[in-house]
N, C-alpha and C. Protein backbone atom coordinates (compact mmCIF):
# COMPACT_ATOMS: atom_id res chain seq x y z
N MET A 1 112.02 49.45 146.89
CA MET A 1 110.63 49.38 146.48
C MET A 1 110.46 50.22 145.23
N PRO A 2 109.76 49.71 144.24
CA PRO A 2 109.53 50.49 143.03
C PRO A 2 108.83 51.81 143.34
N ALA A 3 109.22 52.86 142.64
CA ALA A 3 108.71 54.20 142.93
C ALA A 3 107.54 54.58 142.03
N LYS A 4 106.67 53.67 141.72
CA LYS A 4 105.52 53.93 140.87
C LYS A 4 104.45 54.66 141.68
N LYS A 5 103.95 55.77 141.17
CA LYS A 5 102.93 56.54 141.87
C LYS A 5 101.75 56.80 140.94
N GLY A 6 100.58 57.00 141.52
CA GLY A 6 99.41 57.30 140.72
C GLY A 6 98.14 57.26 141.55
N TYR A 7 97.02 57.34 140.86
CA TYR A 7 95.70 57.29 141.51
C TYR A 7 95.06 55.94 141.26
N PHE A 8 94.50 55.37 142.31
CA PHE A 8 93.80 54.09 142.22
C PHE A 8 92.32 54.35 142.02
N LYS A 9 91.72 53.66 141.06
CA LYS A 9 90.29 53.79 140.81
C LYS A 9 89.60 52.49 141.23
N PRO A 10 88.91 52.51 142.38
CA PRO A 10 88.28 51.28 142.86
C PRO A 10 87.06 50.89 142.03
N LYS A 11 86.79 49.60 141.99
CA LYS A 11 85.57 49.09 141.36
C LYS A 11 84.42 49.14 142.36
N ASN A 12 84.77 48.95 143.64
CA ASN A 12 83.77 48.91 144.71
C ASN A 12 83.86 50.18 145.56
N TYR A 13 83.36 51.28 145.00
CA TYR A 13 83.44 52.59 145.67
C TYR A 13 82.87 52.57 147.07
N SER A 14 81.81 51.80 147.28
CA SER A 14 81.12 51.81 148.58
C SER A 14 82.00 51.23 149.71
N LYS A 15 83.04 50.46 149.37
CA LYS A 15 83.92 49.88 150.38
C LYS A 15 84.96 50.89 150.86
N TYR A 16 85.19 51.93 150.09
CA TYR A 16 86.26 52.87 150.44
C TYR A 16 85.75 53.91 151.43
N LYS A 17 86.46 54.04 152.56
CA LYS A 17 86.11 55.01 153.59
C LYS A 17 86.95 56.27 153.34
N GLY A 18 86.35 57.26 152.74
CA GLY A 18 87.06 58.47 152.36
C GLY A 18 86.63 58.87 150.96
N ASP A 19 87.39 59.73 150.33
CA ASP A 19 87.08 60.18 148.97
C ASP A 19 87.68 59.20 147.97
N PRO A 20 86.84 58.39 147.29
CA PRO A 20 87.37 57.37 146.38
C PRO A 20 87.99 57.93 145.10
N THR A 21 87.90 59.25 144.90
CA THR A 21 88.53 59.85 143.72
C THR A 21 89.94 60.35 144.02
N LYS A 22 90.36 60.23 145.29
CA LYS A 22 91.68 60.74 145.69
C LYS A 22 92.52 59.68 146.38
N ILE A 23 92.46 58.45 145.88
CA ILE A 23 93.23 57.35 146.47
C ILE A 23 94.59 57.30 145.76
N ILE A 24 95.64 57.68 146.48
CA ILE A 24 96.97 57.74 145.90
C ILE A 24 97.80 56.54 146.35
N TYR A 25 98.44 55.89 145.37
CA TYR A 25 99.41 54.85 145.73
C TYR A 25 100.80 55.41 145.45
N ARG A 26 101.73 55.03 146.33
CA ARG A 26 103.09 55.55 146.24
C ARG A 26 104.10 54.49 145.80
N SER A 27 103.60 53.30 145.50
CA SER A 27 104.45 52.22 144.99
C SER A 27 103.56 51.19 144.30
N SER A 28 104.18 50.36 143.49
CA SER A 28 103.42 49.29 142.83
C SER A 28 102.92 48.29 143.87
N TRP A 29 103.62 48.17 144.99
CA TRP A 29 103.18 47.26 146.05
C TRP A 29 101.89 47.77 146.67
N GLU A 30 101.81 49.07 146.91
CA GLU A 30 100.57 49.65 147.46
C GLU A 30 99.43 49.50 146.45
N LYS A 31 99.70 49.73 145.19
CA LYS A 31 98.66 49.58 144.15
C LYS A 31 98.13 48.15 144.13
N MET A 32 99.03 47.18 144.22
CA MET A 32 98.64 45.77 144.23
C MET A 32 97.77 45.47 145.46
N PHE A 33 98.16 45.99 146.62
CA PHE A 33 97.41 45.76 147.85
C PHE A 33 96.04 46.42 147.77
N MET A 34 95.95 47.59 147.15
CA MET A 34 94.66 48.26 146.96
C MET A 34 93.72 47.39 146.12
N GLY A 35 94.26 46.78 145.07
CA GLY A 35 93.46 45.88 144.24
C GLY A 35 92.94 44.70 145.05
N TYR A 36 93.79 44.16 145.91
CA TYR A 36 93.39 43.07 146.80
C TYR A 36 92.24 43.51 147.71
N LEU A 37 92.39 44.68 148.34
CA LEU A 37 91.35 45.18 149.26
C LEU A 37 90.04 45.44 148.52
N ASP A 38 90.14 46.03 147.35
CA ASP A 38 88.95 46.38 146.57
C ASP A 38 88.18 45.14 146.12
N ASN A 39 88.91 44.08 145.79
CA ASN A 39 88.28 42.88 145.22
C ASN A 39 87.99 41.77 146.22
N ASN A 40 88.55 41.85 147.42
CA ASN A 40 88.36 40.77 148.40
C ASN A 40 86.99 40.90 149.06
N PRO A 41 86.13 39.87 148.93
CA PRO A 41 84.78 39.96 149.50
C PRO A 41 84.76 40.01 151.04
N SER A 42 85.82 39.57 151.71
CA SER A 42 85.83 39.63 153.17
C SER A 42 86.24 41.01 153.69
N VAL A 43 86.74 41.87 152.80
CA VAL A 43 87.07 43.24 153.20
C VAL A 43 85.78 44.06 153.14
N VAL A 44 85.35 44.55 154.29
CA VAL A 44 84.10 45.30 154.42
C VAL A 44 84.33 46.78 154.09
N GLU A 45 85.48 47.29 154.53
CA GLU A 45 85.77 48.71 154.38
C GLU A 45 87.29 48.90 154.42
N TRP A 46 87.79 49.90 153.67
CA TRP A 46 89.21 50.20 153.72
C TRP A 46 89.45 51.65 153.35
N SER A 47 90.64 52.12 153.72
CA SER A 47 91.05 53.47 153.33
C SER A 47 92.57 53.51 153.27
N SER A 48 93.09 54.56 152.64
CA SER A 48 94.53 54.74 152.50
C SER A 48 94.92 56.14 152.94
N GLU A 49 95.76 56.21 153.95
CA GLU A 49 96.27 57.49 154.49
C GLU A 49 95.16 58.48 154.82
N GLU A 50 94.09 57.99 155.42
CA GLU A 50 92.94 58.85 155.74
C GLU A 50 92.91 59.31 157.20
N PHE A 51 93.82 58.80 158.04
CA PHE A 51 93.88 59.25 159.44
C PHE A 51 95.35 59.24 159.88
N PHE A 52 95.62 59.91 161.00
CA PHE A 52 97.01 59.95 161.48
C PHE A 52 97.11 59.50 162.92
N ILE A 53 98.33 59.09 163.27
CA ILE A 53 98.67 58.69 164.63
C ILE A 53 99.83 59.59 165.07
N PRO A 54 99.67 60.32 166.18
CA PRO A 54 100.78 61.15 166.64
C PRO A 54 101.94 60.29 167.16
N TYR A 55 103.16 60.73 166.91
CA TYR A 55 104.34 60.04 167.44
C TYR A 55 105.43 61.08 167.70
N LYS A 56 106.35 60.74 168.57
CA LYS A 56 107.45 61.65 168.88
C LYS A 56 108.65 61.25 168.03
N SER A 57 109.14 62.19 167.23
CA SER A 57 110.29 61.93 166.37
C SER A 57 111.56 61.80 167.20
N PRO A 58 112.33 60.72 167.01
CA PRO A 58 113.59 60.57 167.74
C PRO A 58 114.68 61.50 167.19
N VAL A 59 114.44 62.08 166.03
CA VAL A 59 115.44 62.95 165.39
C VAL A 59 115.43 64.35 165.99
N ASP A 60 114.21 64.92 166.15
CA ASP A 60 114.13 66.30 166.67
C ASP A 60 113.29 66.43 167.94
N GLY A 61 112.71 65.31 168.42
CA GLY A 61 111.94 65.33 169.66
C GLY A 61 110.55 65.95 169.54
N ARG A 62 110.17 66.34 168.33
CA ARG A 62 108.86 66.97 168.13
C ARG A 62 107.78 65.91 167.90
N VAL A 63 106.55 66.25 168.27
CA VAL A 63 105.42 65.37 167.98
C VAL A 63 105.04 65.58 166.51
N ARG A 64 104.99 64.50 165.80
CA ARG A 64 104.70 64.51 164.36
C ARG A 64 103.47 63.65 164.09
N ARG A 65 103.01 63.67 162.84
CA ARG A 65 101.84 62.88 162.45
C ARG A 65 102.24 61.76 161.49
N TYR A 66 101.87 60.55 161.84
CA TYR A 66 102.13 59.37 161.01
C TYR A 66 100.82 58.96 160.36
N PHE A 67 100.79 58.95 159.04
CA PHE A 67 99.63 58.52 158.27
C PHE A 67 99.88 57.09 157.80
N PRO A 68 99.32 56.08 158.48
CA PRO A 68 99.54 54.69 158.05
C PRO A 68 99.02 54.48 156.63
N ASP A 69 99.63 53.53 155.93
CA ASP A 69 99.25 53.26 154.55
C ASP A 69 97.78 52.84 154.43
N PHE A 70 97.32 51.95 155.32
CA PHE A 70 95.97 51.42 155.16
C PHE A 70 95.24 51.18 156.48
N TYR A 71 93.95 51.39 156.42
CA TYR A 71 92.99 51.00 157.45
C TYR A 71 92.12 49.95 156.77
N VAL A 72 91.95 48.80 157.42
CA VAL A 72 91.18 47.71 156.82
C VAL A 72 90.20 47.13 157.84
N LYS A 73 88.94 47.08 157.47
CA LYS A 73 87.92 46.40 158.28
C LYS A 73 87.56 45.14 157.51
N LYS A 74 87.83 43.97 158.14
CA LYS A 74 87.72 42.70 157.43
C LYS A 74 86.93 41.68 158.24
N ARG A 75 86.11 40.91 157.56
CA ARG A 75 85.37 39.83 158.20
C ARG A 75 86.32 38.65 158.38
N ASN A 76 86.38 38.11 159.62
CA ASN A 76 87.27 36.97 159.86
C ASN A 76 86.53 35.65 159.65
N LYS A 77 87.25 34.55 159.79
CA LYS A 77 86.68 33.21 159.53
C LYS A 77 85.58 32.83 160.50
N GLN A 78 85.57 33.45 161.70
CA GLN A 78 84.52 33.18 162.69
C GLN A 78 83.28 34.04 162.45
N GLY A 79 83.33 34.92 161.46
CA GLY A 79 82.19 35.79 161.16
C GLY A 79 82.26 37.14 161.85
N GLY A 80 83.26 37.33 162.70
CA GLY A 80 83.44 38.62 163.37
C GLY A 80 84.20 39.60 162.49
N ILE A 81 84.45 40.77 163.03
CA ILE A 81 85.14 41.82 162.28
C ILE A 81 86.49 42.10 162.94
N ASP A 82 87.54 42.12 162.12
CA ASP A 82 88.87 42.53 162.55
C ASP A 82 89.18 43.88 161.91
N ILE A 83 89.83 44.75 162.67
CA ILE A 83 90.28 46.02 162.11
C ILE A 83 91.80 46.02 162.15
N LEU A 84 92.38 46.31 161.00
CA LEU A 84 93.83 46.29 160.85
C LEU A 84 94.34 47.65 160.39
N VAL A 85 95.50 48.01 160.87
CA VAL A 85 96.24 49.15 160.34
C VAL A 85 97.47 48.54 159.70
N VAL A 86 97.67 48.82 158.41
CA VAL A 86 98.72 48.15 157.64
C VAL A 86 99.71 49.16 157.06
N GLU A 87 100.98 48.84 157.22
CA GLU A 87 102.06 49.62 156.63
C GLU A 87 102.80 48.72 155.65
N ILE A 88 103.11 49.23 154.47
CA ILE A 88 103.85 48.47 153.47
C ILE A 88 105.23 49.09 153.32
N LYS A 89 106.25 48.27 153.56
CA LYS A 89 107.64 48.75 153.52
C LYS A 89 108.55 47.66 152.96
N PRO A 90 109.64 48.05 152.32
CA PRO A 90 110.64 47.04 151.94
C PRO A 90 111.27 46.45 153.20
N LYS A 91 111.61 45.20 153.15
CA LYS A 91 112.16 44.48 154.30
C LYS A 91 113.36 45.21 154.91
N TYR A 92 114.23 45.74 154.05
CA TYR A 92 115.45 46.38 154.58
C TYR A 92 115.14 47.59 155.46
N GLN A 93 113.98 48.23 155.28
CA GLN A 93 113.62 49.38 156.11
C GLN A 93 113.02 48.96 157.45
N THR A 94 112.74 47.69 157.62
CA THR A 94 112.18 47.20 158.88
C THR A 94 113.26 46.61 159.79
N GLU A 95 114.50 46.58 159.29
CA GLU A 95 115.60 45.98 160.05
C GLU A 95 116.62 47.04 160.43
N LYS A 96 117.09 46.95 161.67
CA LYS A 96 118.09 47.91 162.17
C LYS A 96 119.35 47.79 161.31
N PRO A 97 119.87 48.92 160.83
CA PRO A 97 121.09 48.85 160.02
C PRO A 97 122.28 48.28 160.81
N ASP A 98 123.08 47.49 160.14
CA ASP A 98 124.29 46.94 160.77
C ASP A 98 125.26 48.08 161.04
N LYS A 99 126.01 47.95 162.14
CA LYS A 99 127.03 48.96 162.46
C LYS A 99 128.14 48.87 161.41
N VAL A 100 128.69 50.04 161.10
CA VAL A 100 129.76 50.10 160.10
C VAL A 100 130.99 50.76 160.72
N LYS A 101 132.15 50.52 160.12
CA LYS A 101 133.39 51.12 160.62
C LYS A 101 133.47 52.59 160.22
N LYS A 102 133.09 52.87 158.99
CA LYS A 102 133.15 54.25 158.49
C LYS A 102 131.72 54.78 158.36
N ILE A 103 131.44 55.87 159.05
CA ILE A 103 130.10 56.46 159.03
C ILE A 103 129.97 57.38 157.82
N THR A 104 129.03 57.03 156.94
CA THR A 104 128.78 57.81 155.74
C THR A 104 127.41 58.48 155.85
N LYS A 105 127.14 59.42 154.94
CA LYS A 105 125.82 60.07 154.90
C LYS A 105 124.73 59.04 154.68
N GLN A 106 125.01 58.09 153.82
CA GLN A 106 124.04 57.03 153.52
C GLN A 106 123.71 56.22 154.78
N TYR A 107 124.73 55.90 155.56
CA TYR A 107 124.52 55.14 156.79
C TYR A 107 123.70 55.97 157.79
N VAL A 108 124.04 57.24 157.94
CA VAL A 108 123.30 58.13 158.86
C VAL A 108 121.83 58.20 158.44
N ASN A 109 121.56 58.31 157.14
CA ASN A 109 120.18 58.34 156.65
C ASN A 109 119.45 57.03 156.94
N LYS A 110 120.12 55.91 156.79
CA LYS A 110 119.50 54.61 157.09
C LYS A 110 119.13 54.52 158.57
N VAL A 111 120.04 54.98 159.43
CA VAL A 111 119.81 54.94 160.88
C VAL A 111 118.63 55.85 161.25
N LYS A 112 118.59 57.05 160.66
CA LYS A 112 117.48 57.99 160.93
C LYS A 112 116.15 57.41 160.45
N THR A 113 116.14 56.87 159.25
CA THR A 113 114.91 56.27 158.70
C THR A 113 114.41 55.15 159.59
N TYR A 114 115.31 54.28 160.01
CA TYR A 114 114.92 53.17 160.87
C TYR A 114 114.38 53.69 162.20
N ALA A 115 115.05 54.67 162.80
CA ALA A 115 114.62 55.21 164.10
C ALA A 115 113.24 55.85 163.99
N ILE A 116 113.01 56.60 162.93
CA ILE A 116 111.71 57.25 162.72
C ILE A 116 110.64 56.19 162.52
N ASN A 117 110.91 55.21 161.65
CA ASN A 117 109.94 54.13 161.41
C ASN A 117 109.62 53.39 162.70
N GLU A 118 110.64 53.09 163.49
CA GLU A 118 110.44 52.38 164.74
C GLU A 118 109.53 53.18 165.68
N SER A 119 109.73 54.50 165.75
CA SER A 119 108.87 55.36 166.59
C SER A 119 107.44 55.37 166.08
N LYS A 120 107.28 55.47 164.77
CA LYS A 120 105.93 55.44 164.17
C LYS A 120 105.23 54.13 164.51
N TRP A 121 105.95 53.03 164.35
CA TRP A 121 105.35 51.72 164.54
C TRP A 121 105.02 51.43 166.00
N LYS A 122 105.84 51.91 166.91
CA LYS A 122 105.53 51.75 168.34
C LYS A 122 104.27 52.55 168.68
N ALA A 123 104.16 53.75 168.13
CA ALA A 123 102.96 54.57 168.36
C ALA A 123 101.74 53.87 167.75
N ALA A 124 101.90 53.30 166.57
CA ALA A 124 100.79 52.60 165.90
C ALA A 124 100.36 51.36 166.70
N GLU A 125 101.33 50.62 167.22
CA GLU A 125 100.99 49.44 168.02
C GLU A 125 100.20 49.83 169.26
N SER A 126 100.61 50.89 169.93
CA SER A 126 99.90 51.37 171.12
C SER A 126 98.50 51.87 170.76
N PHE A 127 98.41 52.65 169.68
CA PHE A 127 97.14 53.19 169.18
C PHE A 127 96.17 52.04 168.89
N CYS A 128 96.66 51.02 168.20
CA CYS A 128 95.82 49.87 167.83
C CYS A 128 95.43 49.04 169.05
N LYS A 129 96.36 48.82 169.94
CA LYS A 129 96.09 48.03 171.15
C LYS A 129 94.96 48.67 171.96
N ASP A 130 94.99 50.01 172.09
CA ASP A 130 93.95 50.73 172.83
C ASP A 130 92.57 50.52 172.22
N ARG A 131 92.50 50.26 170.92
CA ARG A 131 91.22 50.12 170.21
C ARG A 131 90.87 48.66 169.89
N LYS A 132 91.74 47.74 170.34
CA LYS A 132 91.59 46.31 170.03
C LYS A 132 91.67 46.06 168.52
N TRP A 133 92.52 46.83 167.85
CA TRP A 133 92.84 46.66 166.44
C TRP A 133 94.17 45.93 166.34
N LYS A 134 94.56 45.60 165.11
CA LYS A 134 95.85 44.95 164.88
C LYS A 134 96.70 45.84 163.98
N PHE A 135 98.00 45.90 164.27
CA PHE A 135 98.94 46.63 163.42
C PHE A 135 99.83 45.63 162.72
N GLN A 136 99.99 45.80 161.40
CA GLN A 136 100.79 44.88 160.60
C GLN A 136 101.72 45.65 159.69
N ILE A 137 102.94 45.16 159.56
CA ILE A 137 103.86 45.68 158.55
C ILE A 137 104.00 44.59 157.52
N LEU A 138 103.72 44.92 156.27
CA LEU A 138 103.85 43.96 155.18
C LEU A 138 105.06 44.34 154.33
N THR A 139 105.94 43.35 154.10
CA THR A 139 107.10 43.55 153.25
C THR A 139 106.91 42.71 152.00
N GLU A 140 107.93 42.71 151.14
CA GLU A 140 107.87 41.87 149.93
C GLU A 140 107.66 40.41 150.29
N ASN A 141 108.11 39.97 151.46
CA ASN A 141 107.92 38.58 151.88
C ASN A 141 106.44 38.25 152.07
N GLU A 142 105.73 39.10 152.84
CA GLU A 142 104.30 38.85 153.09
C GLU A 142 103.45 39.08 151.84
N LEU A 143 103.93 39.97 150.98
CA LEU A 143 103.18 40.26 149.74
C LEU A 143 103.44 39.23 148.65
N GLY A 144 104.37 38.30 148.92
CA GLY A 144 104.67 37.24 147.96
C GLY A 144 105.46 37.73 146.76
N LEU A 145 106.30 38.74 146.96
CA LEU A 145 107.10 39.29 145.84
C LEU A 145 108.54 38.82 145.87
């Protein structure tokens, strides 16, 4: 994923739930998605990294805080409201690493990253299910890249 970082300046300040002067994007994909949220008339409200979900880290067993990329309140086709929690990740980070014959530092890091992400996402799915929200992971495939 491109490592472009910066501040997003929304056109529709009233749609942003949080401080609209402190919206940080950590990739060009997040910046693009922010533009979509800001300009989409069916998006009623959105925020970026404004709340956390507790999860247990599989690496050290400690309870940590996961700040999902986006919270989205959107009007659906039936006129109702859907609430989504969205995470944007490269596809390779959503897939369990293949086993290798020789264990390298790079492989260990991939396994740790996947395990941590999996724990975060399971916690997010449970958190959202309790609230009748939806949890989505968007990769370059869903973003059309």
